[in-house]
Amino acid sequence: MNIKKSNWRQHALLLVLTLFYIESFVGRQIMAVMIEPIKAEFGASDAQMGLLTGLGFAIVFTLTGLSAGRLADKVSRTRLLAASALVWGIITALSGITAGFISLLIMRMLVAVAEAPLTSASLSLLSDSYPVERRSFAISCFTSGATFAAIIALTLGAYWVELYGWRETFFIISTPALFISFLLFFVMPEPKRGQYDDAISSPTSPLQPVLATGFRASTKALLKRKDYRLLVCSSAIATLGANAFGMWNATFLVRSHDLTLSQAGMMAGFFGGGAAAIGILSSGYLADRIARRKGVLWLPILGHILGWVFIVIYFLWPKGLGDDLFFAGIPFAMLFCTLASFFSVWWVSPCLTLLTSIVPGTQRALAISMQTVLITFLGIGVGPMLVGVLSEVFSEVAGVESLRYALLISTSTTLISVFLLFKLKSYQAKQLIKKIQ
């Protein structure tokens, strides 16, 4: 009876955290279908839109993320997330009444403050709710929220933006956050911190005693771990090209494949977001089953390589080629978009699971927040901004196709992640040999 009650609480908490994660990423991803109407209303450039959709958010998130992670290690995480959801909903609604580009940019920055505790506190809660042998799939369910959010934002979001306008759409997406805040504050339980840490022990990722308790000391202790540094850097660089792709894909389909905004959003959400959701859940399922035999790193390495190959084909595929062999009205290139989206997310749940297993429970939220800050800065900030700048640079030579080549360059950074994961795997092997000797 107690086991059933415990399982119910675990799964209920996972569901609510995932809903909040979906809500936050709908707020991020819906900017992809707002680029053109906001740009037209405010007379903004591609570089300015890159600042609005990414870098402005990322700078503030970087400044507040570590403090939010440290706070999540000290206070009730469910109450912290309840406050986060409430503030997020209010600021998102206020975004719909902004008078100009600067005021909208400020609202996006304030949204970053509200979101700062979300990932670190949520993954810390899940690590204390699920034992390590079931954690990868639980984390994959949570992180798949980002891809389901892409489906919602790029399909329903595109429809709402065309039907009601981008301002009213902000009001629509802000409403669920208030209900989520209520559930987190009054209903969801707070699991015992670090309750499954004793079960985590492996030659390559032993938990170390917590000697550093201050913020600076804890940060230094984490950064001294070579496996942690390699894992965080690999994850952050992987998101640079991936998030830029997610933010600009609908615009790419409009410019390079002559689709309408609603068509582009629908296809980017359904094919790209749908495939990514299946890919994350599949990788979580596979990671739980191969980790004890071969380790989890082969899965993200393989996913990165296959994802990069298919995304290069997608961006280089000429407009109209093979369209008569595919479904009517759907570019044949979407086949490669689907495959790229499926494989490129195979790193998410295995790498996050590995991260939660190599740091102690009292430093877990801080460790996750450090990763999230770097991921947000490179993925949400630098990635979309880089594409916008490169698109403007190439426009003199490539014209309307400049975005195609900007995205091709940005997504090739995935190869750096592959290199870092191979280094991490080599480091783990050396640590295992030392342990045996």
Protein backbone atom coordinates (compact mmCIF):
# COMPACT_ATOMS: atom_id res chain seq x y z
CA MET A 1 0.00 0.00 0.00
CA ASN A 2 2.80 2.40 0.89
CA ILE A 3 4.65 1.45 -2.29
CA LYS A 4 1.58 2.22 -4.41
CA LYS A 5 1.10 5.54 -2.62
CA SER A 6 4.77 6.36 -3.11
CA ASN A 7 4.61 5.50 -6.81
CA TRP A 8 1.51 7.64 -7.23
CA ARG A 9 3.26 10.62 -5.63
CA GLN A 10 6.37 10.09 -7.77
CA HIS A 11 4.41 10.00 -11.00
CA ALA A 12 2.12 12.89 -10.03
CA LEU A 13 5.13 15.08 -9.25
CA LEU A 14 6.76 14.04 -12.54
CA LEU A 15 3.58 14.99 -14.41
CA VAL A 16 3.29 18.44 -12.84
CA LEU A 17 6.99 19.21 -13.30
CA THR A 18 6.75 18.14 -16.93
CA LEU A 19 3.69 20.36 -17.46
CA PHE A 20 5.63 23.34 -16.07
CA TYR A 21 8.58 22.46 -18.32
CA ILE A 22 6.25 22.28 -21.32
CA GLU A 23 4.69 25.62 -20.38
CA SER A 24 8.07 27.34 -20.10
CA PHE A 25 9.27 25.97 -23.44
CA VAL A 26 6.04 26.91 -25.17
CA GLY A 27 6.89 30.45 -24.08
CA ARG A 28 10.34 30.09 -25.62
CA GLN A 29 9.46 28.18 -28.79
CA ILE A 30 6.43 30.26 -29.70
CA MET A 31 8.84 33.11 -30.38
CA ALA A 32 9.84 31.15 -33.51
CA VAL A 33 6.44 31.82 -35.09
CA MET A 34 6.35 35.37 -33.75
CA ILE A 35 9.61 36.39 -35.45
CA GLU A 36 8.03 37.62 -38.69
CA PRO A 37 5.02 39.52 -37.22
CA ILE A 38 7.07 41.14 -34.43
CA LYS A 39 9.80 42.03 -36.91
CA ALA A 40 7.22 43.64 -39.19
CA GLU A 41 5.49 45.58 -36.40
CA PHE A 42 8.66 46.94 -34.79
CA GLY A 43 10.81 47.17 -37.94
CA ALA A 44 13.50 44.95 -36.37
CA SER A 45 16.41 43.23 -38.12
CA ASP A 46 17.30 39.50 -38.03
CA ALA A 47 20.07 40.30 -35.54
CA GLN A 48 17.62 42.14 -33.27
CA MET A 49 15.21 39.21 -33.45
CA GLY A 50 18.08 36.92 -32.49
CA LEU A 51 18.62 39.15 -29.45
CA LEU A 52 14.92 39.04 -28.57
CA THR A 53 14.44 35.29 -29.06
CA GLY A 54 17.69 34.23 -27.43
CA LEU A 55 20.57 36.35 -26.21
CA GLY A 56 18.54 38.81 -24.09
CA PHE A 57 16.90 35.89 -22.27
CA ALA A 58 20.16 33.99 -21.93
CA ILE A 59 22.20 36.85 -20.44
CA VAL A 60 19.76 37.32 -17.56
CA PHE A 61 19.36 33.56 -17.07
CA THR A 62 23.14 33.25 -16.86
CA LEU A 63 23.29 35.93 -14.16
CA THR A 64 20.49 34.41 -12.05
CA GLY A 65 20.71 30.68 -12.78
CA LEU A 66 23.49 29.73 -10.37
CA SER A 67 21.90 31.59 -7.46
CA ALA A 68 18.58 29.91 -8.23
CA GLY A 69 20.25 26.49 -8.25
CA ARG A 70 21.96 27.14 -4.93
CA LEU A 71 18.63 28.33 -3.51
CA ALA A 72 17.01 25.08 -4.66
CA ASP A 73 19.59 23.18 -2.58
CA LYS A 74 18.53 25.12 0.54
CA VAL A 75 14.74 25.68 0.44
CA SER A 76 11.61 23.71 -0.41
CA ARG A 77 11.87 23.02 -4.13
CA THR A 78 8.13 22.61 -4.72
CA ARG A 79 7.40 26.00 -3.07
CA LEU A 80 10.21 27.62 -5.06
CA LEU A 81 8.78 26.26 -8.31
CA ALA A 82 5.26 27.37 -7.31
CA ALA A 83 6.51 30.95 -6.98
CA SER A 84 8.42 30.59 -10.25
CA ALA A 85 5.31 29.46 -12.15
CA LEU A 86 3.21 32.28 -10.72
CA VAL A 87 5.70 35.00 -11.67
CA TRP A 88 6.27 33.39 -15.09
CA GLY A 89 2.54 33.53 -15.90
CA ILE A 90 2.18 37.18 -14.86
CA ILE A 91 5.20 38.41 -16.82
CA THR A 92 4.26 36.41 -19.93
CA ALA A 93 0.80 38.01 -19.88
CA LEU A 94 2.37 41.47 -19.53
CA SER A 95 4.48 40.74 -22.63
CA GLY A 96 1.29 41.08 -24.67
CA ILE A 97 0.85 44.76 -23.80
CA THR A 98 4.38 45.98 -24.52
CA ALA A 99 4.64 49.16 -26.57
CA GLY A 100 7.86 48.50 -28.47
CA PHE A 101 10.90 46.32 -29.07
CA ILE A 102 12.80 47.43 -25.96
CA SER A 103 9.88 46.87 -23.58
CA LEU A 104 9.27 43.40 -25.05
CA LEU A 105 12.97 42.60 -24.66
CA ILE A 106 12.77 43.63 -20.98
CA MET A 107 9.78 41.31 -20.48
CA ARG A 108 11.74 38.42 -22.02
CA MET A 109 14.57 39.15 -19.59
CA LEU A 110 12.18 39.07 -16.63
CA VAL A 111 10.77 35.76 -17.86
CA ALA A 112 14.34 34.43 -17.64
CA VAL A 113 14.46 35.38 -13.94
CA ALA A 114 11.20 33.51 -13.32
CA GLU A 115 12.44 30.41 -15.16
CA ALA A 116 15.86 30.30 -13.49
CA PRO A 117 15.02 27.64 -10.82
CA LEU A 118 12.94 25.40 -13.09
CA THR A 119 15.40 22.87 -14.50
CA SER A 120 17.74 22.57 -11.51
CA ALA A 121 14.96 22.29 -8.91
CA SER A 122 12.92 19.88 -11.07
CA LEU A 123 15.79 17.50 -11.81
CA SER A 124 16.82 17.62 -8.17
CA LEU A 125 13.27 16.61 -7.19
CA LEU A 126 13.23 13.78 -9.75
CA SER A 127 16.61 12.50 -8.54
CA ASP A 128 15.14 12.23 -5.05
CA SER A 129 11.92 10.64 -6.35
CA TYR A 130 13.33 7.86 -8.56
CA PRO A 131 16.19 5.41 -7.91
CA VAL A 132 19.05 5.54 -10.42
CA GLU A 133 17.94 2.41 -12.30
CA ARG A 134 14.61 4.11 -13.15
CA ARG A 135 15.88 7.67 -13.38
CA SER A 136 16.82 7.89 -17.07
CA PHE A 137 13.28 7.22 -18.26
CA ALA A 138 11.81 9.62 -15.68
CA ILE A 139 14.24 12.33 -16.80
CA SER A 140 13.48 11.57 -20.45
CA CYS A 141 9.76 12.06 -19.73
CA PHE A 142 10.53 15.42 -18.13
CA THR A 143 12.91 16.65 -20.83
CA SER A 144 10.60 15.45 -23.60
CA GLY A 145 8.40 18.32 -22.45
CA ALA A 146 10.59 20.65 -24.50
CA THR A 147 9.78 18.76 -27.69
CA PHE A 148 6.07 18.51 -26.92
CA ALA A 149 6.22 22.23 -26.27
CA ALA A 150 7.70 22.70 -29.74
CA ILE A 151 4.76 20.82 -31.24
CA ILE A 152 2.28 23.01 -29.34
CA ALA A 153 4.12 26.26 -30.02
CA LEU A 154 4.77 25.64 -33.70
CA THR A 155 1.33 24.23 -34.53
CA LEU A 156 -1.28 25.73 -32.20
CA GLY A 157 0.97 28.69 -31.59
CA ALA A 158 1.27 29.48 -35.30
CA TYR A 159 -2.53 29.17 -35.60
CA TRP A 160 -3.10 31.51 -32.64
CA VAL A 161 -0.60 34.07 -33.92
CA GLU A 162 -2.26 34.14 -37.34
CA LEU A 163 -5.80 34.16 -35.92
CA TYR A 164 -5.46 36.42 -32.87
CA GLY A 165 -2.06 38.09 -33.24
CA TRP A 166 1.13 37.69 -31.23
CA ARG A 167 -0.02 39.91 -28.35
CA GLU A 168 -3.17 37.91 -27.58
CA THR A 169 -1.19 34.69 -27.90
CA PHE A 170 0.94 35.72 -24.92
CA PHE A 171 -2.24 35.97 -22.82
CA ILE A 172 -3.35 32.50 -23.93
CA ILE A 173 -0.12 30.74 -23.02
CA SER A 174 0.23 32.47 -19.63
CA THR A 175 -2.94 30.95 -18.15
CA PRO A 176 -1.81 27.33 -17.44
CA ALA A 177 1.11 28.57 -15.31
CA LEU A 178 -1.30 29.81 -12.65
CA PHE A 179 -2.88 26.35 -12.27
CA ILE A 180 0.55 24.72 -12.14
CA SER A 181 1.59 27.13 -9.41
CA PHE A 182 -1.45 26.13 -7.35
CA LEU A 183 -0.67 22.41 -7.66
CA LEU A 184 2.99 22.84 -6.72
CA PHE A 185 2.21 24.95 -3.66
CA PHE A 186 -0.78 23.09 -2.21
CA VAL A 187 -0.74 19.52 -3.58
CA MET A 188 2.71 18.23 -4.60
CA PRO A 189 4.93 16.57 -1.96
CA GLU A 190 8.58 17.41 -1.29
CA PRO A 191 10.65 14.17 -1.36
CA LYS A 192 13.47 13.60 1.12
CA ARG A 193 16.65 15.15 -0.23
CA GLY A 194 19.33 12.62 -1.25
CA GLN A 195 17.29 9.54 -0.29
CA TYR A 196 18.68 7.43 -3.17
CA ASP A 197 22.30 8.61 -3.01
CA ASP A 198 23.50 5.59 -1.03
CA ALA A 199 22.49 3.33 -3.90
CA ILE A 200 24.73 5.18 -6.38
CA SER A 201 28.23 3.77 -6.52
CA SER A 202 30.34 2.96 -9.54
CA PRO A 203 34.08 2.95 -10.27
CA THR A 204 33.70 5.71 -12.86
CA SER A 205 31.30 7.99 -11.03
CA PRO A 206 31.63 7.64 -7.25
CA LEU A 207 29.82 10.10 -5.07
CA GLN A 208 32.24 12.16 -3.09
CA PRO A 209 31.64 13.38 0.46
CA VAL A 210 30.32 16.93 0.70
CA LEU A 211 33.00 19.05 2.31
CA ALA A 212 32.23 22.38 0.64
CA THR A 213 29.09 24.08 1.84
CA GLY A 214 29.48 27.69 0.68
CA PHE A 215 28.38 28.79 -2.77
CA ARG A 216 31.89 29.55 -4.01
CA ALA A 217 33.42 26.48 -2.38
CA SER A 218 30.70 24.21 -3.78
CA THR A 219 31.17 25.65 -7.26
CA LYS A 220 34.94 25.11 -7.12
CA ALA A 221 34.46 21.55 -5.86
CA LEU A 222 32.21 20.73 -8.81
CA LEU A 223 34.49 22.34 -11.38
CA LYS A 224 37.46 20.31 -10.11
CA ARG A 225 35.77 17.16 -11.42
CA LYS A 226 37.00 16.52 -14.96
CA ASP A 227 34.06 14.25 -15.77
CA TYR A 228 31.61 16.98 -14.72
CA ARG A 229 33.39 19.63 -16.81
CA LEU A 230 33.47 17.47 -19.94
CA LEU A 231 29.84 16.46 -19.55
CA VAL A 232 28.58 20.01 -19.02
CA CYS A 233 30.61 21.47 -21.91
CA SER A 234 29.49 18.72 -24.27
CA SER A 235 25.83 19.24 -23.36
CA ALA A 236 26.04 23.03 -23.69
CA ILE A 237 27.72 22.97 -27.10
CA ALA A 238 25.18 20.42 -28.35
CA THR A 239 22.38 22.88 -27.64
CA LEU A 240 24.04 25.78 -29.50
CA GLY A 241 23.15 24.42 -32.92
CA ALA A 242 20.08 22.47 -31.81
CA ASN A 243 18.29 25.44 -30.25
CA ALA A 244 19.21 27.70 -33.15
CA PHE A 245 17.69 25.10 -35.46
CA GLY A 246 14.52 24.91 -33.37
CA MET A 247 14.14 28.68 -33.22
CA TRP A 248 14.77 29.39 -36.92
CA ASN A 249 13.44 26.23 -38.60
CA ALA A 250 9.93 27.59 -39.26
CA THR A 251 11.41 30.79 -40.73
CA PHE A 252 13.77 28.67 -42.86
CA LEU A 253 10.81 26.74 -44.29
CA VAL A 254 9.02 30.00 -45.08
CA ARG A 255 12.03 31.53 -46.84
CA SER A 256 13.61 28.51 -48.53
CA HIS A 257 10.61 26.25 -49.23
CA ASP A 258 7.91 28.89 -49.86
CA LEU A 259 5.56 27.73 -47.11
CA THR A 260 3.13 29.96 -45.24
CA LEU A 261 3.81 30.69 -41.56
CA SER A 262 1.09 28.31 -40.37
CA GLN A 263 2.29 25.55 -42.75
CA ALA A 264 5.89 25.99 -41.66
CA GLY A 265 4.96 25.99 -37.98
CA MET A 266 2.79 22.92 -38.41
CA MET A 267 5.53 20.95 -40.18
CA ALA A 268 8.35 22.07 -37.90
CA GLY A 269 6.23 21.18 -34.87
CA PHE A 270 4.76 17.92 -36.12
CA PHE A 271 7.81 16.44 -37.89
CA GLY A 272 10.62 18.06 -35.94
CA GLY A 273 9.02 18.29 -32.50
CA GLY A 274 7.21 14.96 -32.78
CA ALA A 275 10.33 13.09 -33.83
CA ALA A 276 12.36 14.74 -31.06
CA ALA A 277 9.77 13.73 -28.44
CA ILE A 278 9.92 10.11 -29.57
CA GLY A 279 13.72 10.31 -29.70
CA ILE A 280 14.04 11.56 -26.11
CA LEU A 281 11.66 8.93 -24.73
CA SER A 282 13.41 6.20 -26.75
CA SER A 283 16.85 7.25 -25.53
CA GLY A 284 15.66 7.27 -21.92
CA TYR A 285 14.23 3.77 -22.32
CA LEU A 286 17.42 2.51 -23.99
CA ALA A 287 19.72 4.23 -21.48
CA ASP A 288 18.10 2.44 -18.53
CA ARG A 289 18.78 -0.89 -20.24
CA ILE A 290 22.28 -0.51 -21.66
CA ALA A 291 23.87 1.57 -18.88
CA ARG A 292 24.93 -1.35 -16.72
CA ARG A 293 26.40 -3.29 -19.68
CA LYS A 294 28.05 -0.69 -21.93
CA GLY A 295 27.66 2.65 -20.19
CA VAL A 296 25.39 5.44 -21.40
CA LEU A 297 27.83 7.49 -23.47
CA TRP A 298 27.64 5.44 -26.68
CA LEU A 299 24.01 6.48 -27.05
CA PRO A 300 24.59 10.28 -27.17
CA ILE A 301 27.70 9.84 -29.35
CA LEU A 302 25.77 7.82 -31.92
CA GLY A 303 22.82 10.21 -31.75
CA HIS A 304 25.02 13.27 -32.32
CA ILE A 305 26.71 11.76 -35.38
CA LEU A 306 23.52 10.53 -37.05
CA GLY A 307 21.65 13.72 -36.18
CA TRP A 308 24.38 15.89 -37.72
CA VAL A 309 24.50 13.85 -40.94
CA PHE A 310 20.74 14.13 -41.48
CA ILE A 311 20.57 17.82 -40.59
CA VAL A 312 23.28 18.63 -43.14
CA ILE A 313 21.28 16.79 -45.80
CA TYR A 314 18.15 18.68 -44.70
CA PHE A 315 19.72 22.12 -45.06
CA LEU A 316 21.41 21.31 -48.39
CA TRP A 317 18.34 19.65 -49.93
CA PRO A 318 17.15 21.79 -52.89
CA LYS A 319 13.65 23.23 -52.85
CA GLY A 320 11.16 21.02 -54.67
CA LEU A 321 13.48 18.05 -55.20
CA GLY A 322 11.59 14.79 -54.62
CA ASP A 323 8.40 16.55 -53.48
CA ASP A 324 6.35 14.49 -55.95
CA LEU A 325 7.52 11.33 -54.18
CA PHE A 326 6.29 12.52 -50.78
CA PHE A 327 2.91 13.58 -49.39
CA ALA A 328 1.18 16.41 -51.23
CA GLY A 329 2.12 19.83 -49.92
CA ILE A 330 4.96 18.49 -47.74
CA PRO A 331 8.57 19.08 -48.87
CA PHE A 332 10.60 15.88 -49.23
CA ALA A 333 13.28 17.57 -47.12
CA MET A 334 11.04 17.08 -44.06
CA LEU A 335 12.05 13.40 -44.07
CA PHE A 336 15.61 14.42 -43.17
CA CYS A 337 14.34 17.00 -40.66
CA THR A 338 12.44 14.20 -38.93
CA LEU A 339 15.44 11.86 -38.79
CA ALA A 340 17.75 14.64 -37.60
CA SER A 341 15.31 15.62 -34.85
CA PHE A 342 14.92 11.99 -33.71
CA PHE A 343 18.64 11.24 -33.32
CA SER A 344 19.98 14.63 -32.22
CA VAL A 345 18.23 14.46 -28.81
CA TRP A 346 19.65 11.07 -27.82
CA TRP A 347 22.15 12.82 -25.56
CA VAL A 348 19.62 14.50 -23.27
CA SER A 349 18.42 11.89 -20.76
CA PRO A 350 21.63 9.75 -20.68
CA CYS A 351 23.82 12.80 -20.01
CA LEU A 352 21.47 14.26 -17.40
CA THR A 353 21.21 10.90 -15.66
CA LEU A 354 25.00 10.61 -15.61
CA LEU A 355 25.27 14.12 -14.17
CA THR A 356 22.84 13.35 -11.32
CA SER A 357 24.84 10.23 -10.46
CA ILE A 358 28.29 11.86 -10.21
CA VAL A 359 27.38 14.68 -7.79
CA PRO A 360 26.04 14.44 -4.20
CA GLY A 361 22.41 15.25 -3.46
CA THR A 362 23.24 18.39 -1.46
CA GLN A 363 25.00 19.89 -4.49
CA ARG A 364 22.82 18.41 -7.22
CA ALA A 365 20.62 21.43 -7.92
CA LEU A 366 23.70 23.68 -8.09
CA ALA A 367 25.44 21.23 -10.44
CA ILE A 368 22.38 21.10 -12.68
CA SER A 369 21.97 24.87 -12.60
CA MET A 370 25.60 25.35 -13.67
CA GLN A 371 24.94 23.11 -16.64
CA THR A 372 21.63 24.81 -17.37
CA VAL A 373 23.22 28.27 -17.27
CA LEU A 374 25.86 27.28 -19.83
CA ILE A 375 23.27 25.48 -21.97
CA THR A 376 20.99 28.51 -21.88
CA PHE A 377 23.77 30.98 -22.67
CA LEU A 378 25.08 29.00 -25.65
CA GLY A 379 21.85 27.36 -26.80
CA ILE A 380 19.21 30.00 -26.15
CA GLY A 381 21.51 33.03 -26.31
CA VAL A 382 24.43 32.56 -28.67
CA GLY A 383 22.80 30.05 -31.06
CA PRO A 384 19.80 32.07 -32.34
CA MET A 385 21.81 35.32 -32.27
CA LEU A 386 24.67 33.71 -34.22
CA VAL A 387 22.27 32.49 -36.90
CA GLY A 388 20.68 35.93 -37.18
CA VAL A 389 24.06 37.65 -37.56
CA LEU A 390 25.39 35.07 -40.06
CA SER A 391 22.16 35.30 -42.05
CA GLU A 392 22.63 39.04 -42.43
CA VAL A 393 26.31 38.62 -43.37
CA PHE A 394 25.51 36.00 -46.03
CA SER A 395 22.51 37.91 -47.39
CA GLU A 396 24.74 39.98 -49.68
CA VAL A 397 25.93 36.81 -51.39
CA ALA A 398 23.16 34.24 -50.89
CA GLY A 399 20.14 36.55 -50.76
CA VAL A 400 17.01 34.84 -49.38
CA GLU A 401 18.98 31.59 -48.95
CA SER A 402 21.38 33.16 -46.44
CA LEU A 403 19.50 31.56 -43.52
CA ARG A 404 20.12 28.10 -44.97
CA TYR A 405 23.92 28.49 -44.76
CA ALA A 406 23.80 30.24 -41.38
CA LEU A 407 21.95 27.26 -39.92
CA LEU A 408 24.32 24.81 -41.61
CA ILE A 409 27.33 26.43 -39.91
CA SER A 410 25.71 26.71 -36.48
CA THR A 411 24.55 23.09 -36.35
CA SER A 412 28.02 21.78 -37.24
CA THR A 413 29.15 22.66 -33.70
CA THR A 414 27.67 19.27 -32.75
CA LEU A 415 30.96 17.69 -33.83
CA ILE A 416 32.69 19.42 -30.91
CA SER A 417 30.25 17.68 -28.54
CA VAL A 418 31.14 14.32 -30.07
CA PHE A 419 34.84 14.99 -29.45
CA LEU A 420 34.19 15.94 -25.79
CA LEU A 421 32.08 12.82 -25.19
CA PHE A 422 34.89 10.62 -26.56
CA LYS A 423 37.27 12.37 -24.15
CA LEU A 424 34.84 11.71 -21.29
CA LYS A 425 34.57 8.05 -22.21
CA SER A 426 38.37 7.78 -22.30
CA TYR A 427 38.59 9.46 -18.89
CA GLN A 428 36.05 7.04 -17.42
CA ALA A 429 38.04 4.09 -18.78
CA LYS A 430 41.25 5.39 -17.17
CA GLN A 431 39.46 5.89 -13.84
CA LEU A 432 38.17 2.34 -13.99
CA ILE A 433 41.68 0.98 -14.60
CA LYS A 434 43.02 2.99 -11.63
CA LYS A 435 40.20 1.63 -9.44
CA ILE A 436 41.00 -1.95 -10.40
CA GLN A 437 44.72 -1.50 -9.80
